[in-house]
Amino acid sequence: MGKNDRIAGVLMMAATASLWSIAGLLIKVIDWHPIAIAGVRSLIASLVILAFLRKPKIHWSFPQVAAAVANAVTMLLFVVANKTTTAANAILLQYMAPVFTAFIGAALLKEKTRLEHWVSIFFVMVGMTIMFANKLDGGQFFGDAIALMSAVTFSLYIVFMRMQKEGSPLESNLMSQWIAAGVCLTASLFLPMPQFTQESVAAILVLGIVQIGIPSILIAFAIRRISAVSANLIAVIEPVLNPVWVFLVLGEYPGMNTIIGGAVILLAVTGVSMISARRVMA
C-alpha cells in the first residue's frame, strides 16, 4: 500500500465523517419519531448503494455478514441511546470506539496500534470531554450502557470492514441498511404516522442520500487503504463538525468549550494522520 493510497484513504474517511456530521442539522427539520427517521433514511441509503453497486456480490462470508450486523446494530443502539440518555452522554460514550478498536483490531487483524495512535486517542478523549463538559449529567444508566455498547459495535463494524480489504466491503453496508430499515420501519407501524411536508421530505432525502448513502460508499473504499484504528480516529471529527453546520445554517454560536475541545480533536486526528503518512514514505 503506497503513500497515495493512504492519503486517499484518509481523505475518503474525512469526507465520510464530514457527511455524517450533517445529521444533527437535518434531523431538526424533521418532526418524526427517531425510529421512523432511521428507517426511512436507511431505506433511501440502501437504494443509493444498490444503484452504485448494480450487481452486489453477497457471498455470506463471516466478515461480510458480521460487518453488516454490527453496523445495523450500531445505528439502532444509537437511536435508543439518544432516547434514554442525554445526547452529550450518548455521543461521548459512542466515541470511545477508537479505544475498543485498538484492542479488537490488534486481536483480530494483527494491526499494531502505534504510539501515535495511543497519544491521539488520549487527546481525542480530552477534547471530547472538554466539548461536552457543560452538557454531561448523570443521564440514565441504561441509556449510558446502550451508548457504550454502540461504541463496541461500531468498533466491530470497522474491524470487520477492514477484514474485507482485499475484497468489496460495500455489500456489508448495503445489507446493514436493509437490516436497519426492516427493523425500524416495522417498529414505525406502531408509532404515530409521520407528517410529510416539503421540508421533511427534502431533509429525509438528503439524510438518506448524502448523510448515509454516499458515506457508505466512501468508507468502503477508505477502509481498504487505512488501518481500523486510523479510520476510527478520523471518524471522531463528526461531532466536531456538527456544531459548525448548525452555526453556518442556523446562526447558533458554539460555546467556548466546543471550540477548544473541537480544536484539540482536530489537531490530534491531523497529527496522527500526518505521522502515519510519513511512516509510509520512510
C-alpha atoms as a PDB file:
ATOM      1  CA  MET A   1       0.000   0.000   0.000  1.00  0.00           C
ATOM      2  CA  GLY A   2       1.661   3.233  -1.167  1.00  0.00           C
ATOM      3  CA  LYS A   3       1.619   6.781   0.118  1.00  0.00           C
ATOM      4  CA  ASN A   4      -1.033   7.936  -2.363  1.00  0.00           C
ATOM      5  CA  ASP A   5      -3.361   5.102  -1.362  1.00  0.00           C
ATOM      6  CA  ARG A   6      -3.017   6.008   2.328  1.00  0.00           C
ATOM      7  CA  ILE A   7      -3.659   9.689   1.635  1.00  0.00           C
ATOM      8  CA  ALA A   8      -6.705   8.783  -0.464  1.00  0.00           C
ATOM      9  CA  GLY A   9      -7.974   6.603   2.381  1.00  0.00           C
ATOM     10  CA  VAL A  10      -7.550   9.414   4.918  1.00  0.00           C
ATOM     11  CA  LEU A  11      -9.347  11.906   2.660  1.00  0.00           C
ATOM     12  CA  MET A  12     -12.215   9.479   1.975  1.00  0.00           C
ATOM     13  CA  MET A  13     -12.633   8.787   5.691  1.00  0.00           C
ATOM     14  CA  ALA A  14     -12.554  12.514   6.473  1.00  0.00           C
ATOM     15  CA  ALA A  15     -15.227  13.083   3.818  1.00  0.00           C
ATOM     16  CA  THR A  16     -17.269  10.252   5.337  1.00  0.00           C
ATOM     17  CA  ALA A  17     -17.172  11.806   8.816  1.00  0.00           C
ATOM     18  CA  SER A  18     -17.945  15.253   7.370  1.00  0.00           C
ATOM     19  CA  LEU A  19     -21.078  13.989   5.644  1.00  0.00           C
ATOM     20  CA  TRP A  20     -22.151  12.009   8.724  1.00  0.00           C
ATOM     21  CA  SER A  21     -21.958  15.253  10.713  1.00  0.00           C
ATOM     22  CA  ILE A  22     -24.864  16.956   8.904  1.00  0.00           C
ATOM     23  CA  ALA A  23     -27.356  14.625  10.599  1.00  0.00           C
ATOM     24  CA  GLY A  24     -27.932  16.859  13.629  1.00  0.00           C
ATOM     25  CA  LEU A  25     -28.822  19.835  11.458  1.00  0.00           C
ATOM     26  CA  LEU A  26     -31.215  17.936   9.182  1.00  0.00           C
ATOM     27  CA  ILE A  27     -32.955  15.965  11.920  1.00  0.00           C
ATOM     28  CA  LYS A  28     -34.001  19.306  13.462  1.00  0.00           C
ATOM     29  CA  VAL A  29     -36.150  19.860  10.357  1.00  0.00           C
ATOM     30  CA  ILE A  30     -37.984  16.502  10.563  1.00  0.00           C
ATOM     31  CA  ASP A  31     -40.709  16.291  13.193  1.00  0.00           C
ATOM     32  CA  TRP A  32     -40.851  12.474  13.180  1.00  0.00           C
ATOM     33  CA  HIS A  33     -40.072   9.805  15.724  1.00  0.00           C
ATOM     34  CA  PRO A  34     -36.319   8.967  15.582  1.00  0.00           C
ATOM     35  CA  ILE A  35     -37.095   5.342  14.704  1.00  0.00           C
ATOM     36  CA  ALA A  36     -39.124   6.442  11.677  1.00  0.00           C
ATOM     37  CA  ILE A  37     -36.309   8.768  10.591  1.00  0.00           C
ATOM     38  CA  ALA A  38     -33.743   5.971  10.931  1.00  0.00           C
ATOM     39  CA  GLY A  39     -35.901   3.529   8.969  1.00  0.00           C
ATOM     40  CA  VAL A  40     -36.658   5.776   6.005  1.00  0.00           C
ATOM     41  CA  ARG A  41     -33.084   7.087   5.956  1.00  0.00           C
ATOM     42  CA  SER A  42     -31.673   3.551   5.755  1.00  0.00           C
ATOM     43  CA  LEU A  43     -34.161   2.558   3.060  1.00  0.00           C
ATOM     44  CA  ILE A  44     -33.109   5.502   0.885  1.00  0.00           C
ATOM     45  CA  ALA A  45     -29.415   4.853   1.604  1.00  0.00           C
ATOM     46  CA  SER A  46     -29.788   1.216   0.524  1.00  0.00           C
ATOM     47  CA  LEU A  47     -31.145   2.374  -2.849  1.00  0.00           C
ATOM     48  CA  VAL A  48     -28.142   4.685  -3.301  1.00  0.00           C
ATOM     49  CA  ILE A  49     -25.690   1.876  -2.518  1.00  0.00           C
ATOM     50  CA  LEU A  50     -27.583  -0.577  -4.725  1.00  0.00           C
ATOM     51  CA  ALA A  51     -27.518   1.906  -7.630  1.00  0.00           C
ATOM     52  CA  PHE A  52     -23.745   2.241  -7.207  1.00  0.00           C
ATOM     53  CA  LEU A  53     -23.085  -1.499  -6.963  1.00  0.00           C
ATOM     54  CA  ARG A  54     -25.637  -2.527  -9.620  1.00  0.00           C
ATOM     55  CA  LYS A  55     -24.846  -6.198  -9.082  1.00  0.00           C
ATOM     56  CA  PRO A  56     -23.928  -6.688  -5.411  1.00  0.00           C
ATOM     57  CA  LYS A  57     -21.853  -9.749  -4.590  1.00  0.00           C
ATOM     58  CA  ILE A  58     -23.339 -11.148  -1.413  1.00  0.00           C
ATOM     59  CA  HIS A  59     -21.401 -14.290  -0.521  1.00  0.00           C
ATOM     60  CA  TRP A  60     -22.417 -14.561   3.143  1.00  0.00           C
ATOM     61  CA  SER A  61     -18.844 -14.748   4.417  1.00  0.00           C
ATOM     62  CA  PHE A  62     -18.346 -14.153   8.121  1.00  0.00           C
ATOM     63  CA  PRO A  63     -16.729 -10.675   7.764  1.00  0.00           C
ATOM     64  CA  GLN A  64     -19.398  -9.552   5.283  1.00  0.00           C
ATOM     65  CA  VAL A  65     -22.325 -10.590   7.478  1.00  0.00           C
ATOM     66  CA  ALA A  66     -20.642  -9.573  10.742  1.00  0.00           C
ATOM     67  CA  ALA A  67     -19.895  -6.049   9.448  1.00  0.00           C
ATOM     68  CA  ALA A  68     -23.490  -5.706   8.238  1.00  0.00           C
ATOM     69  CA  VAL A  69     -24.958  -6.791  11.558  1.00  0.00           C
ATOM     70  CA  ALA A  70     -22.518  -4.660  13.584  1.00  0.00           C
ATOM     71  CA  ASN A  71     -23.316  -1.520  11.592  1.00  0.00           C
ATOM     72  CA  ALA A  72     -27.070  -2.096  11.755  1.00  0.00           C
ATOM     73  CA  VAL A  73     -26.911  -2.729  15.498  1.00  0.00           C
ATOM     74  CA  THR A  74     -24.796   0.424  15.961  1.00  0.00           C
ATOM     75  CA  MET A  75     -27.403   2.563  14.201  1.00  0.00           C
ATOM     76  CA  LEU A  76     -30.236   1.029  16.227  1.00  0.00           C
ATOM     77  CA  LEU A  77     -28.383   1.320  19.543  1.00  0.00           C
ATOM     78  CA  PHE A  78     -27.559   4.977  18.929  1.00  0.00           C
ATOM     79  CA  VAL A  79     -31.243   5.740  18.307  1.00  0.00           C
ATOM     80  CA  VAL A  80     -32.145   4.014  21.578  1.00  0.00           C
ATOM     81  CA  ALA A  81     -29.297   5.742  23.452  1.00  0.00           C
ATOM     82  CA  ASN A  82     -30.468   9.172  22.349  1.00  0.00           C
ATOM     83  CA  LYS A  83     -33.954   8.365  23.664  1.00  0.00           C
ATOM     84  CA  THR A  84     -32.762   7.043  27.035  1.00  0.00           C
ATOM     85  CA  THR A  85     -29.846   9.305  27.989  1.00  0.00           C
ATOM     86  CA  THR A  86     -28.634  12.809  27.156  1.00  0.00           C
ATOM     87  CA  ALA A  87     -27.333  13.465  23.645  1.00  0.00           C
ATOM     88  CA  ALA A  88     -23.980  14.550  25.076  1.00  0.00           C
ATOM     89  CA  ASN A  89     -23.615  11.333  27.089  1.00  0.00           C
ATOM     90  CA  ALA A  90     -24.566   9.245  24.059  1.00  0.00           C
ATOM     91  CA  ILE A  91     -22.046  10.954  21.766  1.00  0.00           C
ATOM     92  CA  LEU A  92     -19.200  10.937  24.297  1.00  0.00           C
ATOM     93  CA  LEU A  93     -19.652   7.268  25.128  1.00  0.00           C
ATOM     94  CA  GLN A  94     -20.066   6.194  21.500  1.00  0.00           C
ATOM     95  CA  TYR A  95     -16.833   7.898  20.539  1.00  0.00           C
ATOM     96  CA  MET A  96     -14.831   5.789  22.925  1.00  0.00           C
ATOM     97  CA  ALA A  97     -14.822   3.446  19.927  1.00  0.00           C
ATOM     98  CA  PRO A  98     -11.154   4.087  18.974  1.00  0.00           C
ATOM     99  CA  VAL A  99     -10.086   2.596  22.319  1.00  0.00           C
ATOM    100  CA  PHE A 100     -12.023  -0.594  21.641  1.00  0.00           C
ATOM    101  CA  THR A 101     -10.800  -0.703  18.054  1.00  0.00           C
ATOM    102  CA  ALA A 102      -7.179  -0.546  19.212  1.00  0.00           C
ATOM    103  CA  PHE A 103      -7.613  -3.777  21.180  1.00  0.00           C
ATOM    104  CA  ILE A 104     -10.066  -5.571  18.866  1.00  0.00           C
ATOM    105  CA  GLY A 105      -8.025  -4.676  15.782  1.00  0.00           C
ATOM    106  CA  ALA A 106      -4.832  -5.954  17.388  1.00  0.00           C
ATOM    107  CA  ALA A 107      -6.536  -9.238  18.266  1.00  0.00           C
ATOM    108  CA  LEU A 108      -8.443  -9.913  15.047  1.00  0.00           C
ATOM    109  CA  LEU A 109      -6.481  -8.038  12.378  1.00  0.00           C
ATOM    110  CA  LYS A 110      -2.986  -8.215  13.863  1.00  0.00           C
ATOM    111  CA  GLU A 111      -2.696  -4.480  13.121  1.00  0.00           C
ATOM    112  CA  LYS A 112      -0.287  -2.868  15.542  1.00  0.00           C
ATOM    113  CA  THR A 113      -1.554   0.147  17.458  1.00  0.00           C
ATOM    114  CA  ARG A 114       1.409   2.524  17.409  1.00  0.00           C
ATOM    115  CA  LEU A 115       2.434   5.137  19.954  1.00  0.00           C
ATOM    116  CA  GLU A 116       0.973   7.980  17.895  1.00  0.00           C
ATOM    117  CA  HIS A 117      -2.398   6.215  17.890  1.00  0.00           C
ATOM    118  CA  TRP A 118      -2.431   5.962  21.690  1.00  0.00           C
ATOM    119  CA  VAL A 119      -1.391   9.614  22.048  1.00  0.00           C
ATOM    120  CA  SER A 120      -4.101  10.648  19.580  1.00  0.00           C
ATOM    121  CA  ILE A 121      -6.722   8.545  21.395  1.00  0.00           C
ATOM    122  CA  PHE A 122      -5.791  10.266  24.664  1.00  0.00           C
ATOM    123  CA  PHE A 123      -6.142  13.764  23.215  1.00  0.00           C
ATOM    124  CA  VAL A 124      -9.374  12.835  21.415  1.00  0.00           C
ATOM    125  CA  MET A 125     -10.840  11.760  24.768  1.00  0.00           C
ATOM    126  CA  VAL A 126      -9.614  15.023  26.335  1.00  0.00           C
ATOM    127  CA  GLY A 127     -11.160  17.036  23.506  1.00  0.00           C
ATOM    128  CA  MET A 128     -14.485  15.195  23.714  1.00  0.00           C
ATOM    129  CA  THR A 129     -14.626  15.753  27.471  1.00  0.00           C
ATOM    130  CA  ILE A 130     -13.964  19.476  27.040  1.00  0.00           C
ATOM    131  CA  MET A 131     -16.600  19.758  24.299  1.00  0.00           C
ATOM    132  CA  PHE A 132     -19.339  18.202  26.401  1.00  0.00           C
ATOM    133  CA  ALA A 133     -18.206  19.224  29.898  1.00  0.00           C
ATOM    134  CA  ASN A 134     -21.165  21.590  30.396  1.00  0.00           C
ATOM    135  CA  LYS A 135     -23.682  19.190  28.875  1.00  0.00           C
ATOM    136  CA  LEU A 136     -22.890  15.967  30.686  1.00  0.00           C
ATOM    137  CA  ASP A 137     -25.059  14.789  33.535  1.00  0.00           C
ATOM    138  CA  GLY A 138     -25.906  11.553  35.271  1.00  0.00           C
ATOM    139  CA  GLY A 139     -28.095  10.533  32.387  1.00  0.00           C
ATOM    140  CA  GLN A 140     -29.618   7.136  32.913  1.00  0.00           C
ATOM    141  CA  PHE A 141     -27.588   4.020  33.484  1.00  0.00           C
ATOM    142  CA  PHE A 142     -29.473   2.055  30.822  1.00  0.00           C
ATOM    143  CA  GLY A 143     -29.014   4.753  28.192  1.00  0.00           C
ATOM    144  CA  ASP A 144     -25.339   5.196  29.020  1.00  0.00           C
ATOM    145  CA  ALA A 145     -24.808   1.433  28.813  1.00  0.00           C
ATOM    146  CA  ILE A 146     -26.515   1.339  25.409  1.00  0.00           C
ATOM    147  CA  ALA A 147     -24.290   4.186  24.157  1.00  0.00           C
ATOM    148  CA  LEU A 148     -21.204   2.334  25.350  1.00  0.00           C
ATOM    149  CA  MET A 149     -22.420  -0.819  23.605  1.00  0.00           C
ATOM    150  CA  SER A 150     -22.785   1.182  20.396  1.00  0.00           C
ATOM    151  CA  ALA A 151     -19.097   2.117  20.697  1.00  0.00           C
ATOM    152  CA  VAL A 152     -18.219  -1.582  20.851  1.00  0.00           C
ATOM    153  CA  THR A 153     -20.427  -2.494  17.893  1.00  0.00           C
ATOM    154  CA  PHE A 154     -19.064   0.437  15.847  1.00  0.00           C
ATOM    155  CA  SER A 155     -15.547  -0.812  16.570  1.00  0.00           C
ATOM    156  CA  LEU A 156     -16.516  -4.300  15.438  1.00  0.00           C
ATOM    157  CA  TYR A 157     -18.053  -2.818  12.278  1.00  0.00           C
ATOM    158  CA  ILE A 158     -14.801  -1.039  11.399  1.00  0.00           C
ATOM    159  CA  VAL A 159     -12.727  -4.153  12.143  1.00  0.00           C
ATOM    160  CA  PHE A 160     -14.954  -6.493  10.100  1.00  0.00           C
ATOM    161  CA  MET A 161     -14.968  -3.997   7.223  1.00  0.00           C
ATOM    162  CA  ARG A 162     -11.167  -3.908   7.373  1.00  0.00           C
ATOM    163  CA  MET A 163     -11.140  -7.728   7.196  1.00  0.00           C
ATOM    164  CA  GLN A 164     -12.540  -7.327   3.680  1.00  0.00           C
ATOM    165  CA  LYS A 165      -9.748  -5.040   2.482  1.00  0.00           C
ATOM    166  CA  GLU A 166      -8.889  -7.481  -0.305  1.00  0.00           C
ATOM    167  CA  GLY A 167     -12.500  -7.645  -1.468  1.00  0.00           C
ATOM    168  CA  SER A 168     -15.556  -5.376  -1.574  1.00  0.00           C
ATOM    169  CA  PRO A 169     -16.840  -4.329   1.860  1.00  0.00           C
ATOM    170  CA  LEU A 170     -19.575  -2.157   0.354  1.00  0.00           C
ATOM    171  CA  GLU A 171     -22.020  -5.082   0.269  1.00  0.00           C
ATOM    172  CA  SER A 172     -21.840  -5.140   4.075  1.00  0.00           C
ATOM    173  CA  ASN A 173     -23.101  -1.559   4.152  1.00  0.00           C
ATOM    174  CA  LEU A 174     -25.924  -2.434   1.783  1.00  0.00           C
ATOM    175  CA  MET A 175     -27.013  -5.349   3.975  1.00  0.00           C
ATOM    176  CA  SER A 176     -26.774  -3.229   7.136  1.00  0.00           C
ATOM    177  CA  GLN A 177     -29.110  -0.611   5.670  1.00  0.00           C
ATOM    178  CA  TRP A 178     -31.610  -3.334   4.770  1.00  0.00           C
ATOM    179  CA  ILE A 179     -31.493  -4.673   8.325  1.00  0.00           C
ATOM    180  CA  ALA A 180     -31.889  -1.237   9.931  1.00  0.00           C
ATOM    181  CA  ALA A 181     -34.678  -0.253   7.534  1.00  0.00           C
ATOM    182  CA  GLY A 182     -36.555  -3.503   8.135  1.00  0.00           C
ATOM    183  CA  VAL A 183     -36.374  -3.229  11.928  1.00  0.00           C
ATOM    184  CA  CYS A 184     -37.154   0.489  12.135  1.00  0.00           C
ATOM    185  CA  LEU A 185     -39.944   0.565   9.543  1.00  0.00           C
ATOM    186  CA  THR A 186     -41.621  -2.420  11.196  1.00  0.00           C
ATOM    187  CA  ALA A 187     -41.434  -0.661  14.563  1.00  0.00           C
ATOM    188  CA  SER A 188     -42.784   2.517  12.936  1.00  0.00           C
ATOM    189  CA  LEU A 189     -46.063   0.735  12.206  1.00  0.00           C
ATOM    190  CA  PHE A 190     -46.792   1.033  15.943  1.00  0.00           C
ATOM    191  CA  LEU A 191     -45.841   4.737  16.106  1.00  0.00           C
ATOM    192  CA  PRO A 192     -47.727   7.876  15.022  1.00  0.00           C
ATOM    193  CA  MET A 193     -47.824   8.370  11.258  1.00  0.00           C
ATOM    194  CA  PRO A 194     -45.072  10.785  10.116  1.00  0.00           C
ATOM    195  CA  GLN A 195     -46.239  14.122   8.720  1.00  0.00           C
ATOM    196  CA  PHE A 196     -44.889  14.508   5.181  1.00  0.00           C
ATOM    197  CA  THR A 197     -44.138  18.177   4.497  1.00  0.00           C
ATOM    198  CA  GLN A 198     -41.909  19.602   1.769  1.00  0.00           C
ATOM    199  CA  GLU A 199     -39.235  20.336   4.372  1.00  0.00           C
ATOM    200  CA  SER A 200     -39.337  16.884   5.962  1.00  0.00           C
ATOM    201  CA  VAL A 201     -39.303  15.074   2.609  1.00  0.00           C
ATOM    202  CA  ALA A 202     -36.362  17.149   1.370  1.00  0.00           C
ATOM    203  CA  ALA A 203     -34.478  16.627   4.643  1.00  0.00           C
ATOM    204  CA  ILE A 204     -35.027  12.854   4.747  1.00  0.00           C
ATOM    205  CA  LEU A 205     -33.872  12.562   1.122  1.00  0.00           C
ATOM    206  CA  VAL A 206     -30.667  14.443   1.943  1.00  0.00           C
ATOM    207  CA  LEU A 207     -30.185  12.274   5.035  1.00  0.00           C
ATOM    208  CA  GLY A 208     -30.606   9.075   3.050  1.00  0.00           C
ATOM    209  CA  ILE A 209     -28.545  10.097   0.021  1.00  0.00           C
ATOM    210  CA  VAL A 210     -25.889  12.488   1.319  1.00  0.00           C
ATOM    211  CA  GLN A 211     -25.596  11.728   5.033  1.00  0.00           C
ATOM    212  CA  ILE A 212     -25.697   7.904   4.861  1.00  0.00           C
ATOM    213  CA  GLY A 213     -25.727   6.664   1.250  1.00  0.00           C
ATOM    214  CA  ILE A 214     -22.632   8.423  -0.125  1.00  0.00           C
ATOM    215  CA  PRO A 215     -20.590   7.981   3.093  1.00  0.00           C
ATOM    216  CA  SER A 216     -21.368   4.246   3.000  1.00  0.00           C
ATOM    217  CA  ILE A 217     -19.639   4.113  -0.378  1.00  0.00           C
ATOM    218  CA  LEU A 218     -16.725   6.295   0.717  1.00  0.00           C
ATOM    219  CA  ILE A 219     -15.963   4.351   3.905  1.00  0.00           C
ATOM    220  CA  ALA A 220     -15.956   1.066   1.972  1.00  0.00           C
ATOM    221  CA  PHE A 221     -13.131   2.457  -0.174  1.00  0.00           C
ATOM    222  CA  ALA A 222     -11.338   4.177   2.723  1.00  0.00           C
ATOM    223  CA  ILE A 223     -11.181   1.106   4.960  1.00  0.00           C
ATOM    224  CA  ARG A 224      -9.236  -0.792   2.293  1.00  0.00           C
ATOM    225  CA  ARG A 225      -6.477   1.823   2.468  1.00  0.00           C
ATOM    226  CA  ILE A 226      -6.045   2.731   6.143  1.00  0.00           C
ATOM    227  CA  SER A 227      -5.960   0.767   9.383  1.00  0.00           C
ATOM    228  CA  ALA A 228      -9.034   0.228  11.531  1.00  0.00           C
ATOM    229  CA  VAL A 229      -7.676   2.466  14.317  1.00  0.00           C
ATOM    230  CA  SER A 230      -6.858   5.281  11.883  1.00  0.00           C
ATOM    231  CA  ALA A 231     -10.345   5.081  10.364  1.00  0.00           C
ATOM    232  CA  ASN A 232     -11.976   5.207  13.777  1.00  0.00           C
ATOM    233  CA  LEU A 233      -9.871   8.151  14.917  1.00  0.00           C
ATOM    234  CA  ILE A 234     -10.751  10.149  11.804  1.00  0.00           C
ATOM    235  CA  ALA A 235     -14.433   9.337  12.375  1.00  0.00           C
ATOM    236  CA  VAL A 236     -14.424  11.334  15.621  1.00  0.00           C
ATOM    237  CA  ILE A 237     -14.336  14.605  13.691  1.00  0.00           C
ATOM    238  CA  GLU A 238     -18.081  14.039  13.105  1.00  0.00           C
ATOM    239  CA  PRO A 239     -19.269  15.580  16.416  1.00  0.00           C
ATOM    240  CA  VAL A 240     -16.731  18.388  15.965  1.00  0.00           C
ATOM    241  CA  LEU A 241     -18.252  19.428  12.630  1.00  0.00           C
ATOM    242  CA  ASN A 242     -21.877  19.119  13.751  1.00  0.00           C
ATOM    243  CA  PRO A 243     -21.967  22.492  15.575  1.00  0.00           C
ATOM    244  CA  VAL A 244     -20.143  24.078  12.625  1.00  0.00           C
ATOM    245  CA  TRP A 245     -23.048  23.270  10.279  1.00  0.00           C
ATOM    246  CA  VAL A 246     -25.575  24.454  12.872  1.00  0.00           C
ATOM    247  CA  PHE A 247     -23.672  27.754  13.162  1.00  0.00           C
ATOM    248  CA  LEU A 248     -23.356  28.253   9.401  1.00  0.00           C
ATOM    249  CA  VAL A 249     -27.010  27.477   8.641  1.00  0.00           C
ATOM    250  CA  LEU A 250     -28.906  28.453  11.801  1.00  0.00           C
ATOM    251  CA  GLY A 251     -26.518  31.010  13.255  1.00  0.00           C
ATOM    252  CA  GLU A 252     -26.249  29.228  16.615  1.00  0.00           C
ATOM    253  CA  TYR A 253     -22.838  30.114  18.059  1.00  0.00           C
ATOM    254  CA  PRO A 254     -20.886  27.192  19.538  1.00  0.00           C
ATOM    255  CA  GLY A 255     -19.672  27.625  23.105  1.00  0.00           C
ATOM    256  CA  MET A 256     -16.031  28.138  24.018  1.00  0.00           C
ATOM    257  CA  ASN A 257     -15.802  24.543  25.293  1.00  0.00           C
ATOM    258  CA  THR A 258     -16.983  23.290  21.902  1.00  0.00           C
ATOM    259  CA  ILE A 259     -14.382  25.386  20.078  1.00  0.00           C
ATOM    260  CA  ILE A 260     -11.485  24.379  22.353  1.00  0.00           C
ATOM    261  CA  GLY A 261     -12.453  20.693  22.516  1.00  0.00           C
ATOM    262  CA  GLY A 262     -13.021  20.553  18.773  1.00  0.00           C
ATOM    263  CA  ALA A 263      -9.627  22.125  18.100  1.00  0.00           C
ATOM    264  CA  VAL A 264      -7.921  19.538  20.320  1.00  0.00           C
ATOM    265  CA  ILE A 265      -9.652  16.697  18.461  1.00  0.00           C
ATOM    266  CA  LEU A 266      -8.839  18.072  15.008  1.00  0.00           C
ATOM    267  CA  LEU A 267      -5.182  18.568  15.950  1.00  0.00           C
ATOM    268  CA  ALA A 268      -4.969  15.034  17.360  1.00  0.00           C
ATOM    269  CA  VAL A 269      -6.544  13.450  14.271  1.00  0.00           C
ATOM    270  CA  THR A 270      -4.484  15.583  11.857  1.00  0.00           C
ATOM    271  CA  GLY A 271      -1.298  14.798  13.750  1.00  0.00           C
ATOM    272  CA  VAL A 272      -1.762  11.036  13.730  1.00  0.00           C
ATOM    273  CA  SER A 273      -2.685  11.092  10.031  1.00  0.00           C
ATOM    274  CA  MET A 274       0.461  13.063   9.149  1.00  0.00           C
ATOM    275  CA  ILE A 275       2.705  10.776  11.203  1.00  0.00           C
ATOM    276  CA  SER A 276       1.158   7.686   9.588  1.00  0.00           C
ATOM    277  CA  ALA A 277       1.705   9.185   6.133  1.00  0.00           C
ATOM    278  CA  ARG A 278       5.362   9.878   6.945  1.00  0.00           C
ATOM    279  CA  ARG A 279       5.806   6.256   8.058  1.00  0.00           C
ATOM    280  CA  VAL A 280       4.680   5.115   4.618  1.00  0.00           C
ATOM    281  CA  MET A 281       7.184   7.465   2.985  1.00  0.00           C
ATOM    282  CA  ALA A 282      10.053   6.277   5.199  1.00  0.00           C
END
